[in-house]
Structures are given as structure tokens and as C-alpha cells.
Amino acid sequence: MKVNELVAGLFFLVVAGLYAAGAWSLPNPSQQPLGPSAFPLILAGLLALCAALLAWQGARASERGPALALADWTRSPAALARLLLVPGAVLFYVLASEALGFLITAAVILATLFLAGGVRLRLALPLALGAALVMHSIFYLGLGVQLPWGPLEPVRW
């Protein structure tokens, strides 16, 4: 998919404005000159600057083309199904992680994504399990994030 630079720049300019409006409304309980809105406002300003430059470059282009041009792969049902697997995996995690636990849910999601990407089953399963264990170790053991255990609660470490 290709989006015209003028359209993309104007879109991100609106996003920067909305982000700045949200940051501006953050309360400052300590009345410090640099409150909690300072950093988000700086980011909104940088985003607005980049968006304005992108829109200006798109407006200056001699050949603008259509506002939105779809690539050839968007006509393939298999490619679209693989694309929808990612938000589907996020939804599956939200719905299943409490019941199945992080390790099982992450391993199922990763194995599904690996298989959809063309990885062989003999390689996808150990990779998915290993990656789930590594992620669990980083978040649970390293960062102290409480992750759901599900049916693995009795073997919790």
C-alpha cells in the first residue's frame, strides 16, 4: 500500500494536534514549570514538524498520484489472512491469557505465526516455546511483571 505524502503528512499533523491537546490537559499537581505534559508536548511538536515537512514535500511533488494505491499483495486472500493473524493474535492473548497463562498463550500465538510465515513444524514448535520462555524470563524474572500462570500455577517458579 502506498499513501500519498501530502495525505500522510496531513494525517500525522492531525494526530500531532490531538496528541498535543491530550498532553496539554495533563494536570500538574506540583505546579513545577516542567510538569508531566512537557515531554509529550515536545514529542507532539516534533511529530508536527515532521508531518508538516512530509506534507510540504508531497505538495511540491510534480507527480502526486492517487491518495492511496494498494499493492498487488492486497489482492491475495492468503496474504490478507496472514496480515489479520497479528491483530487476531493480540485479541487471542487478551481473551485467553488469564485462562491459559502467559507461557501457553504466547507459545500458541508464536507457533501459529511461525507456521503461517512458512516455518516448518519441527522448527516452529521449539522456537515458539523457547521464545515464550525467554519473554517470560525477561518480564517475570528480570522486570518483576506479574504474568498469568493459568494451569501452570502449581509449577510456578
C-alpha atoms as a PDB file:
ATOM      1  CA  MET A   1       0.000   0.000   0.000  1.00  0.00           C
ATOM      2  CA  LYS A   2       1.309   3.417  -0.877  1.00  0.00           C
ATOM      3  CA  VAL A   3      -0.101   6.586   0.645  1.00  0.00           C
ATOM      4  CA  ASN A   4       0.485   9.953  -0.994  1.00  0.00           C
ATOM      5  CA  GLU A   5       2.950  12.017   1.076  1.00  0.00           C
ATOM      6  CA  LEU A   6       0.596  15.001   1.205  1.00  0.00           C
ATOM      7  CA  VAL A   7      -2.231  12.877   2.620  1.00  0.00           C
ATOM      8  CA  ALA A   8       0.085  11.115   5.086  1.00  0.00           C
ATOM      9  CA  GLY A   9       1.591  14.422   6.237  1.00  0.00           C
ATOM     10  CA  LEU A  10      -1.826  15.979   6.829  1.00  0.00           C
ATOM     11  CA  PHE A  11      -2.988  12.866   8.700  1.00  0.00           C
ATOM     12  CA  PHE A  12       0.018  12.920  11.023  1.00  0.00           C
ATOM     13  CA  LEU A  13      -0.401  16.655  11.522  1.00  0.00           C
ATOM     14  CA  VAL A  14      -3.898  15.969  12.860  1.00  0.00           C
ATOM     15  CA  VAL A  15      -2.509  13.163  15.050  1.00  0.00           C
ATOM     16  CA  ALA A  16       0.134  15.541  16.434  1.00  0.00           C
ATOM     17  CA  GLY A  17      -2.560  18.093  17.232  1.00  0.00           C
ATOM     18  CA  LEU A  18      -4.684  15.519  19.050  1.00  0.00           C
ATOM     19  CA  TYR A  19      -1.642  14.272  20.944  1.00  0.00           C
ATOM     20  CA  ALA A  20      -0.714  17.830  21.947  1.00  0.00           C
ATOM     21  CA  ALA A  21      -4.281  18.540  23.086  1.00  0.00           C
ATOM     22  CA  GLY A  22      -4.208  15.441  25.272  1.00  0.00           C
ATOM     23  CA  ALA A  23      -0.801  16.327  26.685  1.00  0.00           C
ATOM     24  CA  TRP A  24      -1.836  19.918  27.359  1.00  0.00           C
ATOM     25  CA  SER A  25      -4.708  18.725  29.545  1.00  0.00           C
ATOM     26  CA  LEU A  26      -2.463  16.663  31.857  1.00  0.00           C
ATOM     27  CA  PRO A  27      -2.707  18.012  35.409  1.00  0.00           C
ATOM     28  CA  ASN A  28       0.385  19.444  37.065  1.00  0.00           C
ATOM     29  CA  PRO A  29      -0.086  18.725  40.773  1.00  0.00           C
ATOM     30  CA  SER A  30       3.262  20.203  41.842  1.00  0.00           C
ATOM     31  CA  GLN A  31       2.987  23.469  39.859  1.00  0.00           C
ATOM     32  CA  GLN A  32       6.528  22.948  38.556  1.00  0.00           C
ATOM     33  CA  PRO A  33       7.354  24.785  35.324  1.00  0.00           C
ATOM     34  CA  LEU A  34       8.118  21.460  33.631  1.00  0.00           C
ATOM     35  CA  GLY A  35       5.180  19.277  34.573  1.00  0.00           C
ATOM     36  CA  PRO A  36       4.092  15.912  33.192  1.00  0.00           C
ATOM     37  CA  SER A  37       2.985  17.481  29.910  1.00  0.00           C
ATOM     38  CA  ALA A  38       6.419  18.819  28.920  1.00  0.00           C
ATOM     39  CA  PHE A  39       7.844  15.699  27.265  1.00  0.00           C
ATOM     40  CA  PRO A  40       4.620  14.732  25.418  1.00  0.00           C
ATOM     41  CA  LEU A  41       4.321  18.310  24.128  1.00  0.00           C
ATOM     42  CA  ILE A  42       7.892  18.173  22.820  1.00  0.00           C
ATOM     43  CA  LEU A  43       7.101  14.873  21.065  1.00  0.00           C
ATOM     44  CA  ALA A  44       3.904  16.361  19.606  1.00  0.00           C
ATOM     45  CA  GLY A  45       5.893  19.332  18.305  1.00  0.00           C
ATOM     46  CA  LEU A  46       8.488  17.070  16.681  1.00  0.00           C
ATOM     47  CA  LEU A  47       5.749  14.941  15.123  1.00  0.00           C
ATOM     48  CA  ALA A  48       4.017  18.088  13.825  1.00  0.00           C
ATOM     49  CA  LEU A  49       7.292  19.332  12.339  1.00  0.00           C
ATOM     50  CA  CYS A  50       7.961  16.017  10.569  1.00  0.00           C
ATOM     51  CA  ALA A  51       4.344  15.825   9.377  1.00  0.00           C
ATOM     52  CA  ALA A  52       4.484  19.370   8.002  1.00  0.00           C
ATOM     53  CA  LEU A  53       7.716  18.585   6.154  1.00  0.00           C
ATOM     54  CA  LEU A  54       6.186  15.410   4.724  1.00  0.00           C
ATOM     55  CA  ALA A  55       3.038  17.255   3.605  1.00  0.00           C
ATOM     56  CA  TRP A  56       5.122  20.066   2.090  1.00  0.00           C
ATOM     57  CA  GLN A  57       7.265  17.571   0.186  1.00  0.00           C
ATOM     58  CA  GLY A  58       4.117  15.825  -1.055  1.00  0.00           C
ATOM     59  CA  ALA A  59       2.588  19.129  -2.153  1.00  0.00           C
ATOM     60  CA  ARG A  60       5.766  20.069  -4.050  1.00  0.00           C
ATOM     61  CA  ALA A  61       5.974  16.743  -5.883  1.00  0.00           C
ATOM     62  CA  SER A  62       5.355  17.121  -9.587  1.00  0.00           C
ATOM     63  CA  GLU A  63       3.583  13.764  -9.845  1.00  0.00           C
ATOM     64  CA  ARG A  64       1.264  13.263  -6.894  1.00  0.00           C
ATOM     65  CA  GLY A  65      -0.547  10.134  -7.963  1.00  0.00           C
ATOM     66  CA  PRO A  66      -3.581   8.715  -6.156  1.00  0.00           C
ATOM     67  CA  ALA A  67      -4.135   9.392  -2.451  1.00  0.00           C
ATOM     68  CA  LEU A  68      -3.984   5.652  -1.752  1.00  0.00           C
ATOM     69  CA  ALA A  69      -2.617   2.917  -4.015  1.00  0.00           C
ATOM     70  CA  LEU A  70      -2.960  -0.713  -2.996  1.00  0.00           C
ATOM     71  CA  ALA A  71      -0.106  -3.103  -3.679  1.00  0.00           C
ATOM     72  CA  ASP A  72      -0.583  -6.344  -5.595  1.00  0.00           C
ATOM     73  CA  TRP A  73      -0.330  -8.492  -2.443  1.00  0.00           C
ATOM     74  CA  THR A  74      -3.548  -6.920  -1.095  1.00  0.00           C
ATOM     75  CA  ARG A  75      -5.486  -8.844  -3.731  1.00  0.00           C
ATOM     76  CA  SER A  76      -4.293 -12.185  -2.325  1.00  0.00           C
ATOM     77  CA  PRO A  77      -6.662 -13.740   0.238  1.00  0.00           C
ATOM     78  CA  ALA A  78      -3.790 -15.727   1.773  1.00  0.00           C
ATOM     79  CA  ALA A  79      -1.698 -12.583   2.298  1.00  0.00           C
ATOM     80  CA  LEU A  80      -4.639 -10.745   3.841  1.00  0.00           C
ATOM     81  CA  ALA A  81      -5.302 -13.696   6.161  1.00  0.00           C
ATOM     82  CA  ARG A  82      -1.657 -13.611   7.316  1.00  0.00           C
ATOM     83  CA  LEU A  83      -1.974  -9.866   7.883  1.00  0.00           C
ATOM     84  CA  LEU A  84      -5.090 -10.357  10.023  1.00  0.00           C
ATOM     85  CA  LEU A  85      -3.305 -13.013  12.091  1.00  0.00           C
ATOM     86  CA  VAL A  86      -1.405 -10.330  14.018  1.00  0.00           C
ATOM     87  CA  PRO A  87      -4.420  -8.434  15.412  1.00  0.00           C
ATOM     88  CA  GLY A  88      -6.108 -11.811  15.859  1.00  0.00           C
ATOM     89  CA  ALA A  89      -3.147 -12.954  17.957  1.00  0.00           C
ATOM     90  CA  VAL A  90      -3.427  -9.853  20.144  1.00  0.00           C
ATOM     91  CA  LEU A  91      -7.159 -10.480  20.614  1.00  0.00           C
ATOM     92  CA  PHE A  92      -6.467 -14.136  21.419  1.00  0.00           C
ATOM     93  CA  TYR A  93      -3.924 -13.094  24.049  1.00  0.00           C
ATOM     94  CA  VAL A  94      -6.384 -10.683  25.665  1.00  0.00           C
ATOM     95  CA  LEU A  95      -9.129 -13.320  25.780  1.00  0.00           C
ATOM     96  CA  ALA A  96      -7.086 -16.419  26.653  1.00  0.00           C
ATOM     97  CA  SER A  97      -4.094 -15.343  28.737  1.00  0.00           C
ATOM     98  CA  GLU A  98      -5.845 -15.463  32.115  1.00  0.00           C
ATOM     99  CA  ALA A  99      -7.213 -18.961  31.494  1.00  0.00           C
ATOM    100  CA  LEU A 100      -4.193 -20.464  29.716  1.00  0.00           C
ATOM    101  CA  GLY A 101      -1.419 -18.399  31.273  1.00  0.00           C
ATOM    102  CA  PHE A 102       1.277 -16.397  29.550  1.00  0.00           C
ATOM    103  CA  LEU A 103       3.571 -19.279  28.617  1.00  0.00           C
ATOM    104  CA  ILE A 104       0.930 -21.403  26.892  1.00  0.00           C
ATOM    105  CA  THR A 105      -0.779 -18.441  25.212  1.00  0.00           C
ATOM    106  CA  ALA A 106       2.491 -16.958  23.937  1.00  0.00           C
ATOM    107  CA  ALA A 107       3.703 -20.346  22.674  1.00  0.00           C
ATOM    108  CA  VAL A 108       0.440 -20.958  20.788  1.00  0.00           C
ATOM    109  CA  ILE A 109       0.499 -17.476  19.249  1.00  0.00           C
ATOM    110  CA  LEU A 110       4.146 -17.717  18.209  1.00  0.00           C
ATOM    111  CA  ALA A 111       3.765 -21.229  16.787  1.00  0.00           C
ATOM    112  CA  THR A 112       0.739 -20.089  14.761  1.00  0.00           C
ATOM    113  CA  LEU A 113       2.571 -17.050  13.417  1.00  0.00           C
ATOM    114  CA  PHE A 114       5.685 -19.089  12.617  1.00  0.00           C
ATOM    115  CA  LEU A 115       3.649 -21.711  10.746  1.00  0.00           C
ATOM    116  CA  ALA A 116       1.727 -19.030   8.835  1.00  0.00           C
ATOM    117  CA  GLY A 117       5.072 -17.488   7.884  1.00  0.00           C
ATOM    118  CA  GLY A 118       6.269 -20.745   6.356  1.00  0.00           C
ATOM    119  CA  VAL A 119       8.467 -22.104   9.150  1.00  0.00           C
ATOM    120  CA  ARG A 120       8.486 -25.913   9.284  1.00  0.00           C
ATOM    121  CA  LEU A 121       6.597 -27.529  12.186  1.00  0.00           C
ATOM    122  CA  ARG A 122       9.739 -29.227  13.539  1.00  0.00           C
ATOM    123  CA  LEU A 123      11.369 -25.812  13.880  1.00  0.00           C
ATOM    124  CA  ALA A 124       8.305 -23.690  14.719  1.00  0.00           C
ATOM    125  CA  LEU A 125       7.322 -25.540  17.904  1.00  0.00           C
ATOM    126  CA  PRO A 126      10.684 -25.434  19.702  1.00  0.00           C
ATOM    127  CA  LEU A 127      11.247 -21.842  18.579  1.00  0.00           C
ATOM    128  CA  ALA A 128       7.825 -20.781  19.869  1.00  0.00           C
ATOM    129  CA  LEU A 129       8.352 -22.484  23.219  1.00  0.00           C
ATOM    130  CA  GLY A 130      11.868 -21.115  23.578  1.00  0.00           C
ATOM    131  CA  ALA A 131      10.822 -17.576  22.678  1.00  0.00           C
ATOM    132  CA  ALA A 132       7.899 -17.742  25.122  1.00  0.00           C
ATOM    133  CA  LEU A 133      10.276 -18.876  27.893  1.00  0.00           C
ATOM    134  CA  VAL A 134      12.747 -16.095  27.077  1.00  0.00           C
ATOM    135  CA  MET A 135       9.992 -13.442  27.071  1.00  0.00           C
ATOM    136  CA  HIS A 136       8.600 -14.818  30.321  1.00  0.00           C
ATOM    137  CA  SER A 137      12.036 -14.738  31.922  1.00  0.00           C
ATOM    138  CA  ILE A 138      12.656 -11.158  30.837  1.00  0.00           C
ATOM    139  CA  PHE A 139       9.321  -9.821  32.038  1.00  0.00           C
ATOM    140  CA  TYR A 140       8.636 -12.039  35.071  1.00  0.00           C
ATOM    141  CA  LEU A 141      12.096 -12.637  36.480  1.00  0.00           C
ATOM    142  CA  GLY A 142      14.019  -9.662  35.108  1.00  0.00           C
ATOM    143  CA  LEU A 143      11.443  -6.873  35.318  1.00  0.00           C
ATOM    144  CA  GLY A 144       9.149  -8.248  38.009  1.00  0.00           C
ATOM    145  CA  VAL A 145       5.990  -8.062  35.859  1.00  0.00           C
ATOM    146  CA  GLN A 146       3.294 -10.368  37.212  1.00  0.00           C
ATOM    147  CA  LEU A 147       2.213 -12.617  34.347  1.00  0.00           C
ATOM    148  CA  PRO A 148      -0.718 -15.046  34.493  1.00  0.00           C
ATOM    149  CA  TRP A 149       0.197 -18.696  35.025  1.00  0.00           C
ATOM    150  CA  GLY A 150      -3.093 -20.418  34.171  1.00  0.00           C
ATOM    151  CA  PRO A 151      -2.887 -24.210  34.554  1.00  0.00           C
ATOM    152  CA  LEU A 152       0.875 -23.956  35.189  1.00  0.00           C
ATOM    153  CA  GLU A 153       0.249 -22.323  38.592  1.00  0.00           C
ATOM    154  CA  PRO A 154       1.389 -25.466  40.504  1.00  0.00           C
ATOM    155  CA  VAL A 155       4.840 -25.317  38.857  1.00  0.00           C
ATOM    156  CA  ARG A 156       5.265 -21.567  39.320  1.00  0.00           C
ATOM    157  CA  TRP A 157       8.873 -20.557  39.926  1.00  0.00           C
END
